[in-house]
N, C-alpha and C. Protein backbone atom coordinates (compact mmCIF):
# COMPACT_ATOMS: atom_id res chain seq x y z
N MET A 1 -181.80 -85.82 13.39
CA MET A 1 -182.66 -85.60 14.45
C MET A 1 -183.16 -83.87 14.38
N ASN A 2 -182.28 -83.09 14.21
CA ASN A 2 -182.31 -81.65 14.28
C ASN A 2 -183.42 -81.20 13.23
N ILE A 3 -183.14 -81.98 12.07
CA ILE A 3 -184.20 -81.57 10.97
C ILE A 3 -185.49 -81.88 11.33
N LYS A 4 -185.82 -83.05 12.12
CA LYS A 4 -187.14 -83.37 12.51
C LYS A 4 -187.70 -82.34 13.51
N LYS A 5 -187.06 -81.90 14.30
CA LYS A 5 -187.23 -80.91 15.25
C LYS A 5 -187.60 -79.44 14.67
N LEU A 6 -186.83 -79.07 13.76
CA LEU A 6 -186.99 -78.11 12.97
C LEU A 6 -188.17 -77.94 11.97
N PHE A 7 -188.48 -79.16 11.55
CA PHE A 7 -189.74 -79.40 10.54
C PHE A 7 -191.00 -79.24 11.42
N ILE A 8 -190.98 -79.85 12.57
CA ILE A 8 -192.10 -79.85 13.70
C ILE A 8 -192.23 -78.45 14.12
N GLY A 9 -191.18 -77.72 14.33
CA GLY A 9 -191.25 -76.27 14.77
C GLY A 9 -191.93 -75.35 13.65
N VAL A 10 -191.36 -75.50 12.57
CA VAL A 10 -192.09 -74.69 11.34
C VAL A 10 -193.55 -75.36 11.06
N MET A 11 -193.96 -76.37 11.34
CA MET A 11 -195.26 -76.85 11.05
C MET A 11 -196.21 -76.23 12.12
N LEU A 12 -195.59 -76.18 13.55
CA LEU A 12 -196.41 -75.61 14.49
C LEU A 12 -196.70 -74.11 14.30
N LEU A 13 -195.38 -73.37 13.96
CA LEU A 13 -195.70 -72.01 13.70
C LEU A 13 -196.53 -71.74 12.52
N PHE A 14 -196.58 -72.39 11.55
CA PHE A 14 -197.60 -72.46 10.20
C PHE A 14 -199.04 -72.55 10.76
N LEU A 15 -199.10 -73.72 11.59
CA LEU A 15 -200.53 -73.84 12.01
C LEU A 15 -201.04 -72.62 12.86
N THR A 16 -200.28 -72.29 13.77
CA THR A 16 -200.50 -71.14 14.78
C THR A 16 -200.91 -70.00 14.05
N SER A 17 -200.23 -69.62 12.87
CA SER A 17 -200.60 -68.44 12.11
C SER A 17 -201.62 -68.50 11.38
N CYS A 18 -202.26 -69.68 11.23
CA CYS A 18 -203.43 -69.97 10.50
C CYS A 18 -204.80 -70.06 11.34
N ALA A 19 -204.63 -69.94 12.83
CA ALA A 19 -205.69 -70.00 13.67
C ALA A 19 -206.72 -69.05 13.28
N ASP A 20 -207.91 -69.40 13.61
CA ASP A 20 -209.11 -68.63 13.50
C ASP A 20 -209.15 -67.49 14.50
N ASN A 21 -209.29 -66.19 14.11
CA ASN A 21 -209.36 -65.24 15.11
C ASN A 21 -210.71 -64.50 15.04
N SER A 22 -211.73 -65.04 14.57
CA SER A 22 -212.98 -64.57 14.42
C SER A 22 -213.61 -64.17 15.81
N ASN A 23 -213.39 -64.95 16.84
CA ASN A 23 -213.91 -64.60 18.20
C ASN A 23 -213.19 -63.58 18.67
N SER A 24 -212.02 -63.22 18.59
CA SER A 24 -211.18 -61.99 18.97
C SER A 24 -211.80 -60.81 18.35
N ARG A 25 -211.93 -60.95 16.97
CA ARG A 25 -212.53 -59.71 16.27
C ARG A 25 -213.89 -59.56 16.65
N TYR A 26 -214.72 -60.54 16.95
CA TYR A 26 -216.04 -60.16 17.67
C TYR A 26 -216.06 -59.60 18.87
N ASP A 27 -215.03 -60.10 19.79
CA ASP A 27 -214.92 -59.70 21.13
C ASP A 27 -214.31 -58.14 21.16
N SER A 28 -213.50 -57.86 20.11
CA SER A 28 -213.11 -56.40 20.12
C SER A 28 -214.20 -55.50 19.69
N GLY A 29 -214.90 -55.96 18.59
CA GLY A 29 -216.14 -55.25 18.22
C GLY A 29 -217.16 -55.02 19.25
N TYR A 30 -217.44 -56.08 19.84
CA TYR A 30 -218.36 -55.92 21.11
C TYR A 30 -218.08 -54.85 22.00
N SER A 31 -216.58 -55.01 22.44
CA SER A 31 -216.15 -54.19 23.39
C SER A 31 -216.22 -52.81 22.99
N ASP A 32 -215.82 -52.46 21.66
CA ASP A 32 -215.77 -51.14 21.22
C ASP A 32 -217.12 -50.68 21.03
N GLY A 33 -218.15 -51.52 20.72
CA GLY A 33 -219.62 -51.17 20.54
C GLY A 33 -220.21 -50.84 21.92
N TYR A 34 -219.91 -51.67 22.77
CA TYR A 34 -220.47 -51.40 24.15
C TYR A 34 -219.92 -50.15 24.75
N ALA A 35 -218.72 -49.83 24.65
CA ALA A 35 -218.16 -48.38 24.96
C ALA A 35 -218.87 -47.19 24.38
N THR A 36 -218.93 -47.30 23.05
CA THR A 36 -219.59 -46.18 22.36
C THR A 36 -221.23 -46.13 22.61
N GLY A 37 -221.76 -47.20 22.62
CA GLY A 37 -223.26 -47.13 22.89
C GLY A 37 -223.40 -46.60 24.39
N TYR A 38 -222.71 -47.09 25.38
CA TYR A 38 -222.89 -46.60 26.62
C TYR A 38 -222.46 -45.14 26.69
N ASN A 39 -221.15 -44.75 26.22
CA ASN A 39 -220.81 -43.43 26.43
C ASN A 39 -221.78 -42.34 25.60
N THR A 40 -222.16 -42.85 24.46
CA THR A 40 -223.09 -42.11 23.55
C THR A 40 -224.46 -41.73 24.24
N THR A 41 -224.92 -42.73 24.69
CA THR A 41 -226.35 -42.71 25.45
C THR A 41 -226.29 -41.99 26.79
N CYS A 42 -225.42 -42.12 27.33
CA CYS A 42 -225.09 -41.51 28.62
C CYS A 42 -224.51 -40.01 28.52
N LYS A 43 -224.23 -39.86 27.05
CA LYS A 43 -223.45 -38.54 26.98
C LYS A 43 -222.24 -38.25 27.74
N ILE A 44 -221.41 -39.33 27.79
CA ILE A 44 -220.14 -39.07 28.74
C ILE A 44 -218.99 -38.40 27.80
N ARG A 45 -218.72 -39.30 27.06
CA ARG A 45 -217.49 -38.56 25.98
C ARG A 45 -217.45 -39.23 24.73
N ALA A 46 -216.70 -38.92 23.93
CA ALA A 46 -216.27 -39.69 22.49
C ALA A 46 -215.51 -40.79 22.85
N THR A 47 -215.56 -41.95 22.17
CA THR A 47 -214.67 -43.22 22.31
C THR A 47 -214.08 -43.56 21.13
N LEU A 48 -212.81 -43.67 21.35
CA LEU A 48 -211.79 -44.21 20.14
C LEU A 48 -212.05 -45.48 20.08
N ILE A 49 -212.15 -46.10 18.87
CA ILE A 49 -212.61 -47.48 18.63
C ILE A 49 -211.43 -48.05 17.37
N ASP A 50 -211.49 -49.24 17.33
CA ASP A 50 -210.57 -49.90 16.16
C ASP A 50 -211.51 -49.69 14.70
N GLY A 51 -212.74 -49.67 14.61
CA GLY A 51 -213.49 -49.53 13.34
C GLY A 51 -212.96 -50.49 12.38
N ASP A 52 -212.92 -51.73 12.35
CA ASP A 52 -212.64 -52.62 11.56
C ASP A 52 -213.85 -53.24 10.67
N TRP A 53 -214.57 -52.11 9.96
CA TRP A 53 -215.69 -52.46 9.39
C TRP A 53 -215.80 -53.37 8.23
N ASP A 54 -214.76 -53.87 7.98
CA ASP A 54 -214.59 -54.58 6.53
C ASP A 54 -214.39 -56.17 7.27
N ASN A 55 -214.42 -56.14 8.51
CA ASN A 55 -214.44 -57.64 9.28
C ASN A 55 -215.82 -57.81 9.62
N GLU A 56 -216.46 -58.82 9.24
CA GLU A 56 -217.99 -59.13 9.39
C GLU A 56 -218.16 -59.55 10.85
N ASN A 57 -217.10 -60.21 11.50
CA ASN A 57 -217.21 -60.54 12.99
C ASN A 57 -217.08 -59.20 13.92
N TYR A 58 -216.11 -58.60 13.49
CA TYR A 58 -216.15 -57.17 14.09
C TYR A 58 -217.37 -56.29 14.14
N SER A 59 -217.93 -56.11 12.83
CA SER A 59 -219.13 -55.27 12.83
C SER A 59 -220.23 -55.98 13.49
N LYS A 60 -220.53 -57.10 13.44
CA LYS A 60 -221.56 -58.06 14.30
C LYS A 60 -221.63 -57.81 15.75
N GLY A 61 -220.16 -57.95 16.22
CA GLY A 61 -219.91 -57.62 17.53
C GLY A 61 -220.36 -56.21 18.14
N TYR A 62 -219.66 -55.13 17.09
CA TYR A 62 -219.95 -53.86 17.56
C TYR A 62 -221.48 -53.53 17.62
N ASN A 63 -222.29 -53.97 16.67
CA ASN A 63 -223.74 -53.60 16.73
C ASN A 63 -224.34 -54.26 17.85
N GLN A 64 -223.94 -55.52 18.38
CA GLN A 64 -224.60 -56.14 19.37
C GLN A 64 -223.93 -55.31 20.67
N GLY A 65 -222.78 -55.19 20.64
CA GLY A 65 -222.20 -54.28 21.81
C GLY A 65 -222.76 -52.95 22.13
N TYR A 66 -223.06 -52.21 21.01
CA TYR A 66 -223.70 -50.95 21.10
C TYR A 66 -225.05 -51.29 21.65
N ALA A 67 -225.77 -52.17 21.22
CA ALA A 67 -227.15 -52.07 21.77
C ALA A 67 -227.05 -52.25 23.27
N ALA A 68 -226.10 -53.25 23.63
CA ALA A 68 -226.20 -53.72 25.19
C ALA A 68 -225.53 -52.46 25.83
N GLY A 69 -224.75 -51.77 25.26
CA GLY A 69 -224.10 -50.72 26.24
C GLY A 69 -225.15 -49.63 26.27
N SER A 70 -226.16 -49.17 25.31
CA SER A 70 -227.05 -48.40 25.38
C SER A 70 -228.09 -48.52 26.31
N ILE A 71 -228.51 -50.02 26.26
CA ILE A 71 -229.53 -50.54 27.31
C ILE A 71 -228.87 -50.31 28.62
N ASP A 72 -227.79 -50.81 29.14
CA ASP A 72 -227.30 -50.63 30.22
C ASP A 72 -227.11 -49.21 30.97
N CYS A 73 -227.00 -48.34 30.05
CA CYS A 73 -226.95 -46.80 30.39
C CYS A 73 -228.36 -46.30 30.74
N LYS A 74 -229.18 -46.67 30.01
CA LYS A 74 -230.78 -46.50 30.15
C LYS A 74 -231.20 -47.01 31.57
N ASN A 75 -230.62 -48.30 31.87
CA ASN A 75 -230.92 -49.06 33.09
C ASN A 75 -230.41 -48.25 34.20
N GLN A 76 -229.40 -47.64 34.08
CA GLN A 76 -228.72 -47.09 35.30
C GLN A 76 -229.21 -45.55 35.66
N GLN A 77 -230.05 -45.09 34.92
CA GLN A 77 -230.34 -43.93 34.91
C GLN A 77 -231.54 -43.69 35.71
């Protein structure tokens, strides 16, 4: 019985490690892009970001976030 529980635990660990994290990289990119776009357009300050440019989802999120942050800054002026 213990072997069966161990096997199930190992399989769950394996499946969890294979989970798709594309949404989290997009979200991280969007957040970084939004902050950079807002801060740059409003001339607030430099922004430290992740900069995971090799990740397609991060780059897409960053570009969309940058545009949204820039627009929000312009709308608040």
